[in-house]
Amino acid sequence: MVRKRNRKFQLSLSEVATIAVYFHLSHYREFKNFYLIEIKKNMKINECP
């Protein structure tokens, strides 16, 4: 049996593209650190997976 994640929210293609552009313009070397610090905390987006 294959399990699927049950997520409430999903990012649109434009949101993913925007985050990717911000990452490339930032000083971060790792996407994980960028996402956790800039997206999750500073932008206070609780709906992001």
N, C-alpha and C. Protein backbone atom coordinates (compact mmCIF):
# COMPACT_ATOMS: atom_id res chain seq x y z
N MET A 1 0.85 -1.19 0.00
CA MET A 1 0.00 0.00 0.00
C MET A 1 0.89 1.25 0.00
N VAL A 2 0.62 2.14 -0.92
CA VAL A 2 1.38 3.38 -1.04
C VAL A 2 0.69 4.45 -0.22
N ARG A 3 1.46 5.09 0.65
CA ARG A 3 0.91 6.17 1.47
C ARG A 3 1.13 7.51 0.77
N LYS A 4 0.16 8.37 0.88
CA LYS A 4 0.29 9.73 0.36
C LYS A 4 0.18 10.69 1.51
N ARG A 5 0.88 11.80 1.38
CA ARG A 5 0.81 12.82 2.41
C ARG A 5 -0.54 13.53 2.33
N ASN A 6 -1.06 13.86 3.48
CA ASN A 6 -2.34 14.57 3.55
C ASN A 6 -2.05 16.02 3.92
N ARG A 7 -1.79 16.83 2.91
CA ARG A 7 -1.46 18.24 3.15
C ARG A 7 -2.68 19.11 2.91
N LYS A 8 -2.78 20.13 3.73
CA LYS A 8 -3.90 21.07 3.60
C LYS A 8 -3.61 22.10 2.50
N PHE A 9 -2.35 22.49 2.36
CA PHE A 9 -2.00 23.56 1.44
C PHE A 9 -0.97 23.09 0.43
N GLN A 10 -1.00 23.69 -0.72
CA GLN A 10 -0.04 23.38 -1.75
C GLN A 10 0.36 24.69 -2.43
N LEU A 11 1.65 24.86 -2.69
CA LEU A 11 2.12 26.08 -3.32
C LEU A 11 1.83 26.05 -4.81
N SER A 12 1.49 27.19 -5.35
CA SER A 12 1.28 27.29 -6.80
C SER A 12 2.64 27.42 -7.49
N LEU A 13 2.64 27.25 -8.78
CA LEU A 13 3.87 27.34 -9.56
C LEU A 13 4.49 28.74 -9.43
N SER A 14 3.68 29.78 -9.42
CA SER A 14 4.21 31.14 -9.30
C SER A 14 4.84 31.38 -7.93
N GLU A 15 4.28 30.79 -6.88
CA GLU A 15 4.87 30.92 -5.55
C GLU A 15 6.21 30.21 -5.47
N VAL A 16 6.30 29.03 -6.06
CA VAL A 16 7.56 28.28 -6.09
C VAL A 16 8.61 29.06 -6.87
N ALA A 17 8.22 29.63 -8.01
CA ALA A 17 9.15 30.41 -8.83
C ALA A 17 9.64 31.65 -8.07
N THR A 18 8.75 32.31 -7.36
CA THR A 18 9.12 33.50 -6.58
C THR A 18 10.12 33.15 -5.49
N ILE A 19 9.88 32.05 -4.78
CA ILE A 19 10.80 31.61 -3.73
C ILE A 19 12.15 31.25 -4.33
N ALA A 20 12.16 30.60 -5.49
CA ALA A 20 13.42 30.23 -6.16
C ALA A 20 14.21 31.47 -6.56
N VAL A 21 13.54 32.49 -7.06
CA VAL A 21 14.22 33.74 -7.44
C VAL A 21 14.81 34.41 -6.21
N TYR A 22 14.03 34.50 -5.13
CA TYR A 22 14.54 35.10 -3.89
C TYR A 22 15.75 34.33 -3.37
N PHE A 23 15.72 33.02 -3.48
CA PHE A 23 16.85 32.21 -3.02
C PHE A 23 18.10 32.54 -3.83
N HIS A 24 17.98 32.64 -5.14
CA HIS A 24 19.14 32.92 -5.98
C HIS A 24 19.68 34.33 -5.77
N LEU A 25 18.84 35.24 -5.34
CA LEU A 25 19.28 36.60 -5.06
C LEU A 25 19.80 36.78 -3.64
N SER A 26 19.62 35.78 -2.80
CA SER A 26 20.04 35.87 -1.40
C SER A 26 21.49 35.44 -1.23
N HIS A 27 21.99 35.57 -0.01
CA HIS A 27 23.36 35.18 0.30
C HIS A 27 23.46 33.74 0.80
N TYR A 28 22.35 33.04 0.86
CA TYR A 28 22.34 31.68 1.39
C TYR A 28 22.94 30.70 0.40
N ARG A 29 23.64 29.69 0.94
CA ARG A 29 24.23 28.65 0.10
C ARG A 29 23.36 27.41 0.07
N GLU A 30 22.55 27.23 1.10
CA GLU A 30 21.68 26.06 1.18
C GLU A 30 20.22 26.50 1.19
N PHE A 31 19.42 25.85 0.37
CA PHE A 31 18.01 26.22 0.26
C PHE A 31 17.25 25.97 1.56
N LYS A 32 17.62 24.91 2.26
CA LYS A 32 16.92 24.57 3.51
C LYS A 32 17.04 25.72 4.51
N ASN A 33 18.24 26.25 4.70
CA ASN A 33 18.42 27.37 5.63
C ASN A 33 17.65 28.61 5.17
N PHE A 34 17.72 28.89 3.89
CA PHE A 34 16.98 30.02 3.33
C PHE A 34 15.49 29.88 3.60
N TYR A 35 14.95 28.70 3.32
CA TYR A 35 13.52 28.48 3.49
C TYR A 35 13.10 28.61 4.95
N LEU A 36 13.86 27.99 5.84
CA LEU A 36 13.49 28.01 7.25
C LEU A 36 13.59 29.41 7.85
N ILE A 37 14.61 30.16 7.48
CA ILE A 37 14.82 31.48 8.08
C ILE A 37 14.01 32.57 7.37
N GLU A 38 14.14 32.66 6.07
CA GLU A 38 13.51 33.75 5.33
C GLU A 38 12.02 33.53 5.07
N ILE A 39 11.66 32.35 4.69
CA ILE A 39 10.27 32.11 4.30
C ILE A 39 9.40 31.79 5.51
N LYS A 40 9.79 30.83 6.30
CA LYS A 40 8.95 30.39 7.42
C LYS A 40 8.89 31.42 8.54
N LYS A 41 10.02 32.01 8.91
CA LYS A 41 10.05 32.90 10.07
C LYS A 41 9.81 34.36 9.70
N ASN A 42 10.61 34.90 8.79
CA ASN A 42 10.53 36.33 8.50
C ASN A 42 9.26 36.72 7.76
N MET A 43 8.81 35.88 6.85
CA MET A 43 7.61 36.22 6.09
C MET A 43 6.35 35.77 6.81
N LYS A 44 6.53 34.98 7.87
CA LYS A 44 5.42 34.52 8.71
C LYS A 44 4.31 33.86 7.90
N ILE A 45 4.71 32.99 7.01
CA ILE A 45 3.75 32.24 6.21
C ILE A 45 3.56 30.90 6.88
N ASN A 46 2.48 30.75 7.60
CA ASN A 46 2.22 29.50 8.31
C ASN A 46 1.58 28.46 7.41
N GLU A 47 1.06 28.89 6.27
CA GLU A 47 0.39 27.96 5.37
C GLU A 47 1.36 27.19 4.50
N CYS A 48 2.63 27.61 4.47
CA CYS A 48 3.61 26.91 3.63
C CYS A 48 3.89 25.53 4.18
N PRO A 49 4.02 24.57 3.28
CA PRO A 49 4.36 23.21 3.74
C PRO A 49 5.79 23.12 4.20
